[in-house]
């Protein structure tokens, strides 16, 4: 029997459960942060008006149960996804905690005819405020970053603007900031606020892929030299 060490990352855990959810006709969004101050859900699954949050981890710990519990106010279903594990001395206690709070648990494995197995059934929370999550969802959340990634990658309006900046500068090295702002669909309230903020983020290295070069009385934008 394969052990949890067969999974080198939480992303690998997520890659097994996602096809399973899609088979059940759930629409999948990955690495979702509803508000800039809120937690980040590994997977948000949507079916009609129902919201399901799944947290993927490589171990069966109280920490992952706590993470899942924090979503109970905002998701109709909440589950954890972990590798298939041999039972330890606290296994039964953890399952009782899951059952008490209605948190589901799936165990996944590699190379077996049953890659996904339900360990603890999930319970419906009819009073959940699903709009807290659904109002922030975009098409980009489906493919922008892989669920469970360890790099902190996730979709945000700023990340979308940043990607457009890099792509545009790559095609037009030496473009002026004014032309660059007009070429993208940024998330700022106005072009002038976009210009001021982005010049600052490039100068401070927040957008580390780009660099400023003063040419005459204006700045030109280039990809940073490796």
C-alpha atoms as a PDB file:
ATOM      1  CA  UNK A   1       0.000   0.000   0.000  1.00  0.00           C
ATOM      2  CA  UNK A   2       1.323   3.411  -0.963  1.00  0.00           C
ATOM      3  CA  UNK A   3       1.947   5.887   1.831  1.00  0.00           C
ATOM      4  CA  UNK A   4       1.421   9.630   2.037  1.00  0.00           C
ATOM      5  CA  UNK A   5       5.102  10.168   1.157  1.00  0.00           C
ATOM      6  CA  UNK A   6       4.218   9.197  -2.430  1.00  0.00           C
ATOM      7  CA  UNK A   7       2.708  12.687  -2.653  1.00  0.00           C
ATOM      8  CA  UNK A   8       5.456  15.267  -2.958  1.00  0.00           C
ATOM      9  CA  UNK A   9       3.061  18.221  -2.829  1.00  0.00           C
ATOM     10  CA  UNK A  10      -0.487  19.240  -2.073  1.00  0.00           C
ATOM     11  CA  UNK A  11      -0.843  19.992  -5.770  1.00  0.00           C
ATOM     12  CA  UNK A  12      -0.502  16.276  -6.486  1.00  0.00           C
ATOM     13  CA  UNK A  13      -3.289  15.569  -4.006  1.00  0.00           C
ATOM     14  CA  UNK A  14      -5.519  18.137  -5.742  1.00  0.00           C
ATOM     15  CA  UNK A  15      -4.775  16.702  -9.189  1.00  0.00           C
ATOM     16  CA  UNK A  16      -6.455  13.434  -8.186  1.00  0.00           C
ATOM     17  CA  UNK A  17      -9.611  14.892  -6.627  1.00  0.00           C
ATOM     18  CA  UNK A  18     -10.303  17.503  -9.346  1.00  0.00           C
ATOM     19  CA  UNK A  19     -11.193  15.016 -12.143  1.00  0.00           C
ATOM     20  CA  UNK A  20     -13.408  13.186  -9.638  1.00  0.00           C
ATOM     21  CA  UNK A  21     -15.309  16.408  -8.908  1.00  0.00           C
ATOM     22  CA  UNK A  22     -15.621  17.268 -12.594  1.00  0.00           C
ATOM     23  CA  UNK A  23     -17.143  13.852 -13.248  1.00  0.00           C
ATOM     24  CA  UNK A  24     -19.855  14.777 -10.772  1.00  0.00           C
ATOM     25  CA  UNK A  25     -20.504  17.962 -12.797  1.00  0.00           C
ATOM     26  CA  UNK A  26     -18.917  20.422 -10.380  1.00  0.00           C
ATOM     27  CA  UNK A  27     -17.296  23.537 -11.878  1.00  0.00           C
ATOM     28  CA  UNK A  28     -13.793  23.913 -10.463  1.00  0.00           C
ATOM     29  CA  UNK A  29     -11.962  27.064  -9.334  1.00  0.00           C
ATOM     30  CA  UNK A  30      -8.485  26.929  -7.810  1.00  0.00           C
ATOM     31  CA  UNK A  31      -6.626  28.986  -5.193  1.00  0.00           C
ATOM     32  CA  UNK A  32      -9.521  31.307  -4.379  1.00  0.00           C
ATOM     33  CA  UNK A  33      -9.137  34.213  -1.963  1.00  0.00           C
ATOM     34  CA  UNK A  34     -12.567  35.921  -1.639  1.00  0.00           C
ATOM     35  CA  UNK A  35     -11.138  39.021   0.046  1.00  0.00           C
ATOM     36  CA  UNK A  36      -7.581  40.264   0.313  1.00  0.00           C
ATOM     37  CA  UNK A  37      -7.654  39.594   4.066  1.00  0.00           C
ATOM     38  CA  UNK A  38      -9.352  36.182   3.939  1.00  0.00           C
ATOM     39  CA  UNK A  39      -8.036  32.628   3.778  1.00  0.00           C
ATOM     40  CA  UNK A  40      -7.268  30.998   0.442  1.00  0.00           C
ATOM     41  CA  UNK A  41      -9.335  27.956  -0.532  1.00  0.00           C
ATOM     42  CA  UNK A  42      -7.433  25.264  -2.432  1.00  0.00           C
ATOM     43  CA  UNK A  43     -10.502  24.277  -4.427  1.00  0.00           C
ATOM     44  CA  UNK A  44     -13.916  25.876  -4.805  1.00  0.00           C
ATOM     45  CA  UNK A  45     -16.466  23.698  -6.594  1.00  0.00           C
ATOM     46  CA  UNK A  46     -19.736  25.196  -7.852  1.00  0.00           C
ATOM     47  CA  UNK A  47     -22.913  23.404  -8.896  1.00  0.00           C
ATOM     48  CA  UNK A  48     -25.932  25.649  -9.374  1.00  0.00           C
ATOM     49  CA  UNK A  49     -26.217  27.717  -6.196  1.00  0.00           C
ATOM     50  CA  UNK A  50     -24.179  25.276  -4.119  1.00  0.00           C
ATOM     51  CA  UNK A  51     -20.624  26.090  -2.994  1.00  0.00           C
ATOM     52  CA  UNK A  52     -18.165  23.381  -1.954  1.00  0.00           C
ATOM     53  CA  UNK A  53     -14.731  24.203  -0.517  1.00  0.00           C
ATOM     54  CA  UNK A  54     -12.051  21.504  -0.390  1.00  0.00           C
ATOM     55  CA  UNK A  55      -8.714  21.839   1.393  1.00  0.00           C
ATOM     56  CA  UNK A  56      -5.913  19.555   0.176  1.00  0.00           C
ATOM     57  CA  UNK A  57      -3.110  18.439   2.486  1.00  0.00           C
ATOM     58  CA  UNK A  58      -0.458  15.731   2.647  1.00  0.00           C
ATOM     59  CA  UNK A  59      -1.267  14.820   6.242  1.00  0.00           C
ATOM     60  CA  UNK A  60      -4.334  14.239   8.392  1.00  0.00           C
ATOM     61  CA  UNK A  61      -3.884  16.907  11.050  1.00  0.00           C
ATOM     62  CA  UNK A  62      -5.986  19.114  13.283  1.00  0.00           C
ATOM     63  CA  UNK A  63      -4.590  22.040  11.293  1.00  0.00           C
ATOM     64  CA  UNK A  64      -6.297  20.989   8.061  1.00  0.00           C
ATOM     65  CA  UNK A  65      -9.535  20.310   9.962  1.00  0.00           C
ATOM     66  CA  UNK A  66      -9.318  23.834  11.415  1.00  0.00           C
ATOM     67  CA  UNK A  67      -8.730  25.318   7.945  1.00  0.00           C
ATOM     68  CA  UNK A  68     -11.779  23.531   6.629  1.00  0.00           C
ATOM     69  CA  UNK A  69     -13.921  24.573   9.597  1.00  0.00           C
ATOM     70  CA  UNK A  70     -13.238  28.254   8.842  1.00  0.00           C
ATOM     71  CA  UNK A  71     -15.157  27.878   5.551  1.00  0.00           C
ATOM     72  CA  UNK A  72     -18.356  26.489   7.099  1.00  0.00           C
ATOM     73  CA  UNK A  73     -19.966  29.932   7.249  1.00  0.00           C
ATOM     74  CA  UNK A  74     -19.414  30.526   3.519  1.00  0.00           C
ATOM     75  CA  UNK A  75     -19.738  27.111   1.839  1.00  0.00           C
ATOM     76  CA  UNK A  76     -22.654  24.672   1.737  1.00  0.00           C
ATOM     77  CA  UNK A  77     -20.190  21.781   1.768  1.00  0.00           C
ATOM     78  CA  UNK A  78     -16.684  21.678   3.242  1.00  0.00           C
ATOM     79  CA  UNK A  79     -14.244  18.784   2.866  1.00  0.00           C
ATOM     80  CA  UNK A  80     -10.599  17.925   3.296  1.00  0.00           C
ATOM     81  CA  UNK A  81      -8.619  15.826   0.842  1.00  0.00           C
ATOM     82  CA  UNK A  82      -5.668  13.777   2.104  1.00  0.00           C
ATOM     83  CA  UNK A  83      -3.590  10.810   0.908  1.00  0.00           C
ATOM     84  CA  UNK A  84      -4.650   7.329   1.946  1.00  0.00           C
ATOM     85  CA  UNK A  85      -3.136   6.864   5.417  1.00  0.00           C
ATOM     86  CA  UNK A  86      -2.528   4.011   7.767  1.00  0.00           C
ATOM     87  CA  UNK A  87      -4.512   4.505  10.924  1.00  0.00           C
ATOM     88  CA  UNK A  88      -2.668   6.158  13.795  1.00  0.00           C
ATOM     89  CA  UNK A  89      -3.715   6.405  17.435  1.00  0.00           C
ATOM     90  CA  UNK A  90      -5.632   9.661  16.814  1.00  0.00           C
ATOM     91  CA  UNK A  91      -7.354   8.521  13.616  1.00  0.00           C
ATOM     92  CA  UNK A  92     -10.690   7.734  15.260  1.00  0.00           C
ATOM     93  CA  UNK A  93     -10.725  10.992  17.234  1.00  0.00           C
ATOM     94  CA  UNK A  94     -10.125  13.067  14.097  1.00  0.00           C
ATOM     95  CA  UNK A  95     -12.939  11.268  12.304  1.00  0.00           C
ATOM     96  CA  UNK A  96     -15.281  12.016  15.205  1.00  0.00           C
ATOM     97  CA  UNK A  97     -14.364  15.711  14.931  1.00  0.00           C
ATOM     98  CA  UNK A  98     -15.110  15.653  11.194  1.00  0.00           C
ATOM     99  CA  UNK A  99     -18.447  13.943  11.767  1.00  0.00           C
ATOM    100  CA  UNK A 100     -19.404  16.344  14.554  1.00  0.00           C
ATOM    101  CA  UNK A 101     -18.849  19.436  12.392  1.00  0.00           C
ATOM    102  CA  UNK A 102     -20.127  17.863   9.177  1.00  0.00           C
ATOM    103  CA  UNK A 103     -16.787  18.215   7.404  1.00  0.00           C
ATOM    104  CA  UNK A 104     -16.216  15.623   4.709  1.00  0.00           C
ATOM    105  CA  UNK A 105     -12.980  13.790   4.021  1.00  0.00           C
ATOM    106  CA  UNK A 106     -11.673  12.107   0.895  1.00  0.00           C
ATOM    107  CA  UNK A 107      -8.623   9.887   0.815  1.00  0.00           C
ATOM    108  CA  UNK A 108      -6.732   9.699  -2.470  1.00  0.00           C
ATOM    109  CA  UNK A 109      -4.075   7.296  -3.692  1.00  0.00           C
ATOM    110  CA  UNK A 110      -1.883   6.730  -6.726  1.00  0.00           C
ATOM    111  CA  UNK A 111      -1.926   3.710  -8.971  1.00  0.00           C
ATOM    112  CA  UNK A 112      -5.040   2.016  -7.606  1.00  0.00           C
ATOM    113  CA  UNK A 113      -8.368   1.181  -9.202  1.00  0.00           C
ATOM    114  CA  UNK A 114     -10.063   3.384  -6.604  1.00  0.00           C
ATOM    115  CA  UNK A 115      -7.983   6.596  -6.531  1.00  0.00           C
ATOM    116  CA  UNK A 116     -10.630   8.482  -4.517  1.00  0.00           C
ATOM    117  CA  UNK A 117     -12.348   7.041  -1.459  1.00  0.00           C
ATOM    118  CA  UNK A 118     -14.786   8.790   0.866  1.00  0.00           C
ATOM    119  CA  UNK A 119     -13.574   8.494   4.447  1.00  0.00           C
ATOM    120  CA  UNK A 120     -16.105  10.799   6.123  1.00  0.00           C
ATOM    121  CA  UNK A 121     -19.329  12.049   4.452  1.00  0.00           C
ATOM    122  CA  UNK A 122     -19.894  15.762   4.074  1.00  0.00           C
ATOM    123  CA  UNK A 123     -23.051  17.408   5.438  1.00  0.00           C
ATOM    124  CA  UNK A 124     -25.045  20.210   3.836  1.00  0.00           C
ATOM    125  CA  UNK A 125     -24.968  23.589   5.586  1.00  0.00           C
ATOM    126  CA  UNK A 126     -28.085  25.346   4.284  1.00  0.00           C
ATOM    127  CA  UNK A 127     -27.329  28.604   6.136  1.00  0.00           C
ATOM    128  CA  UNK A 128     -23.963  29.203   4.460  1.00  0.00           C
ATOM    129  CA  UNK A 129     -23.391  32.613   2.852  1.00  0.00           C
ATOM    130  CA  UNK A 130     -22.155  31.302  -0.494  1.00  0.00           C
ATOM    131  CA  UNK A 131     -22.112  34.758  -2.095  1.00  0.00           C
ATOM    132  CA  UNK A 132     -19.045  35.641  -0.032  1.00  0.00           C
ATOM    133  CA  UNK A 133     -17.173  33.255  -2.337  1.00  0.00           C
ATOM    134  CA  UNK A 134     -19.153  33.275  -5.585  1.00  0.00           C
ATOM    135  CA  UNK A 135     -19.058  37.056  -6.040  1.00  0.00           C
ATOM    136  CA  UNK A 136     -15.266  36.953  -6.385  1.00  0.00           C
ATOM    137  CA  UNK A 137     -15.021  34.027  -8.825  1.00  0.00           C
ATOM    138  CA  UNK A 138     -13.710  34.657 -12.334  1.00  0.00           C
ATOM    139  CA  UNK A 139     -12.818  32.472 -15.305  1.00  0.00           C
ATOM    140  CA  UNK A 140      -9.153  33.096 -14.430  1.00  0.00           C
ATOM    141  CA  UNK A 141      -9.585  31.198 -11.158  1.00  0.00           C
ATOM    142  CA  UNK A 142     -10.111  28.027 -13.170  1.00  0.00           C
ATOM    143  CA  UNK A 143      -6.653  27.931 -14.748  1.00  0.00           C
ATOM    144  CA  UNK A 144      -4.480  30.725 -13.311  1.00  0.00           C
ATOM    145  CA  UNK A 145      -2.808  28.631 -10.584  1.00  0.00           C
ATOM    146  CA  UNK A 146      -2.844  25.009  -9.509  1.00  0.00           C
ATOM    147  CA  UNK A 147      -4.710  24.133  -6.329  1.00  0.00           C
ATOM    148  CA  UNK A 148      -2.406  23.532  -3.387  1.00  0.00           C
ATOM    149  CA  UNK A 149       0.659  25.155  -4.961  1.00  0.00           C
ATOM    150  CA  UNK A 150       3.402  26.126  -2.524  1.00  0.00           C
ATOM    151  CA  UNK A 151       4.409  29.318  -4.361  1.00  0.00           C
ATOM    152  CA  UNK A 152       1.510  31.458  -3.230  1.00  0.00           C
ATOM    153  CA  UNK A 153       0.294  31.692  -6.835  1.00  0.00           C
ATOM    154  CA  UNK A 154      -3.325  32.779  -7.108  1.00  0.00           C
ATOM    155  CA  UNK A 155      -5.439  35.024  -9.248  1.00  0.00           C
ATOM    156  CA  UNK A 156      -5.925  38.631  -8.126  1.00  0.00           C
ATOM    157  CA  UNK A 157      -6.768  41.745 -10.179  1.00  0.00           C
ATOM    158  CA  UNK A 158      -3.200  42.962  -9.592  1.00  0.00           C
ATOM    159  CA  UNK A 159      -1.712  39.682 -10.847  1.00  0.00           C
ATOM    160  CA  UNK A 160      -3.859  39.967 -13.974  1.00  0.00           C
ATOM    161  CA  UNK A 161      -2.596  43.508 -14.599  1.00  0.00           C
ATOM    162  CA  UNK A 162       0.980  42.379 -13.940  1.00  0.00           C
ATOM    163  CA  UNK A 163       0.747  39.533 -16.454  1.00  0.00           C
ATOM    164  CA  UNK A 164      -0.589  41.888 -19.120  1.00  0.00           C
ATOM    165  CA  UNK A 165       2.256  44.318 -18.407  1.00  0.00           C
ATOM    166  CA  UNK A 166       4.936  41.664 -18.844  1.00  0.00           C
ATOM    167  CA  UNK A 167       3.379  40.269 -22.025  1.00  0.00           C
ATOM    168  CA  UNK A 168       3.054  43.737 -23.566  1.00  0.00           C
ATOM    169  CA  UNK A 169       6.611  44.793 -22.686  1.00  0.00           C
ATOM    170  CA  UNK A 170       7.943  41.507 -24.058  1.00  0.00           C
ATOM    171  CA  UNK A 171       6.344  42.320 -27.415  1.00  0.00           C
ATOM    172  CA  UNK A 172       7.233  46.036 -27.252  1.00  0.00           C
ATOM    173  CA  UNK A 173      10.526  46.562 -25.388  1.00  0.00           C
ATOM    174  CA  UNK A 174      11.142  50.228 -24.641  1.00  0.00           C
ATOM    175  CA  UNK A 175       7.456  51.101 -24.592  1.00  0.00           C
ATOM    176  CA  UNK A 176       6.541  54.242 -22.668  1.00  0.00           C
ATOM    177  CA  UNK A 177       4.438  53.944 -19.534  1.00  0.00           C
ATOM    178  CA  UNK A 178       1.689  56.022 -21.140  1.00  0.00           C
ATOM    179  CA  UNK A 179       1.467  53.684 -24.125  1.00  0.00           C
ATOM    180  CA  UNK A 180       1.763  50.637 -21.892  1.00  0.00           C
ATOM    181  CA  UNK A 181      -1.179  51.712 -19.709  1.00  0.00           C
ATOM    182  CA  UNK A 182      -3.350  52.293 -22.768  1.00  0.00           C
ATOM    183  CA  UNK A 183      -2.468  48.840 -24.134  1.00  0.00           C
ATOM    184  CA  UNK A 184      -3.780  46.811 -21.184  1.00  0.00           C
ATOM    185  CA  UNK A 185      -7.019  46.291 -19.299  1.00  0.00           C
ATOM    186  CA  UNK A 186      -5.801  47.270 -15.826  1.00  0.00           C
ATOM    187  CA  UNK A 187      -7.710  47.122 -12.541  1.00  0.00           C
ATOM    188  CA  UNK A 188      -7.035  50.708 -11.427  1.00  0.00           C
ATOM    189  CA  UNK A 189      -9.728  53.386 -11.273  1.00  0.00           C
ATOM    190  CA  UNK A 190      -7.965  55.607 -13.818  1.00  0.00           C
ATOM    191  CA  UNK A 191      -4.954  55.629 -16.142  1.00  0.00           C
ATOM    192  CA  UNK A 192      -3.252  58.259 -13.997  1.00  0.00           C
ATOM    193  CA  UNK A 193      -3.524  56.165 -10.814  1.00  0.00           C
ATOM    194  CA  UNK A 194      -2.329  53.113 -12.755  1.00  0.00           C
ATOM    195  CA  UNK A 195       0.717  55.015 -14.006  1.00  0.00           C
ATOM    196  CA  UNK A 196       1.702  56.262 -10.543  1.00  0.00           C
ATOM    197  CA  UNK A 197       1.259  52.910  -8.835  1.00  0.00           C
ATOM    198  CA  UNK A 198       2.907  50.767 -11.504  1.00  0.00           C
ATOM    199  CA  UNK A 199       5.944  53.036 -11.799  1.00  0.00           C
ATOM    200  CA  UNK A 200       6.375  52.642  -8.047  1.00  0.00           C
ATOM    201  CA  UNK A 201       5.951  48.830  -8.099  1.00  0.00           C
ATOM    202  CA  UNK A 202       8.457  48.433 -10.921  1.00  0.00           C
ATOM    203  CA  UNK A 203      10.954  50.771  -9.257  1.00  0.00           C
ATOM    204  CA  UNK A 204      10.659  48.939  -5.907  1.00  0.00           C
ATOM    205  CA  UNK A 205      11.025  45.527  -7.525  1.00  0.00           C
ATOM    206  CA  UNK A 206       7.505  44.313  -6.737  1.00  0.00           C
ATOM    207  CA  UNK A 207       7.143  43.635 -10.465  1.00  0.00           C
ATOM    208  CA  UNK A 208      10.611  42.127 -10.610  1.00  0.00           C
ATOM    209  CA  UNK A 209      10.359  41.042 -14.260  1.00  0.00           C
ATOM    210  CA  UNK A 210      10.419  44.661 -15.477  1.00  0.00           C
ATOM    211  CA  UNK A 211      12.827  47.587 -15.221  1.00  0.00           C
ATOM    212  CA  UNK A 212      12.684  51.320 -15.852  1.00  0.00           C
ATOM    213  CA  UNK A 213      15.147  53.199 -18.001  1.00  0.00           C
ATOM    214  CA  UNK A 214      15.054  56.979 -18.208  1.00  0.00           C
ATOM    215  CA  UNK A 215      15.412  58.122 -21.777  1.00  0.00           C
ATOM    216  CA  UNK A 216      15.259  61.888 -22.114  1.00  0.00           C
ATOM    217  CA  UNK A 217      12.430  63.221 -19.975  1.00  0.00           C
ATOM    218  CA  UNK A 218      10.425  60.016 -19.802  1.00  0.00           C
ATOM    219  CA  UNK A 219      10.741  56.419 -18.608  1.00  0.00           C
ATOM    220  CA  UNK A 220      10.809  53.438 -20.940  1.00  0.00           C
ATOM    221  CA  UNK A 221       9.915  49.943 -19.791  1.00  0.00           C
ATOM    222  CA  UNK A 222      12.007  46.859 -20.549  1.00  0.00           C
ATOM    223  CA  UNK A 223      12.190  43.275 -19.396  1.00  0.00           C
ATOM    224  CA  UNK A 224      14.790  42.967 -16.669  1.00  0.00           C
ATOM    225  CA  UNK A 225      18.064  41.623 -17.937  1.00  0.00           C
ATOM    226  CA  UNK A 226      19.027  38.228 -16.526  1.00  0.00           C
END
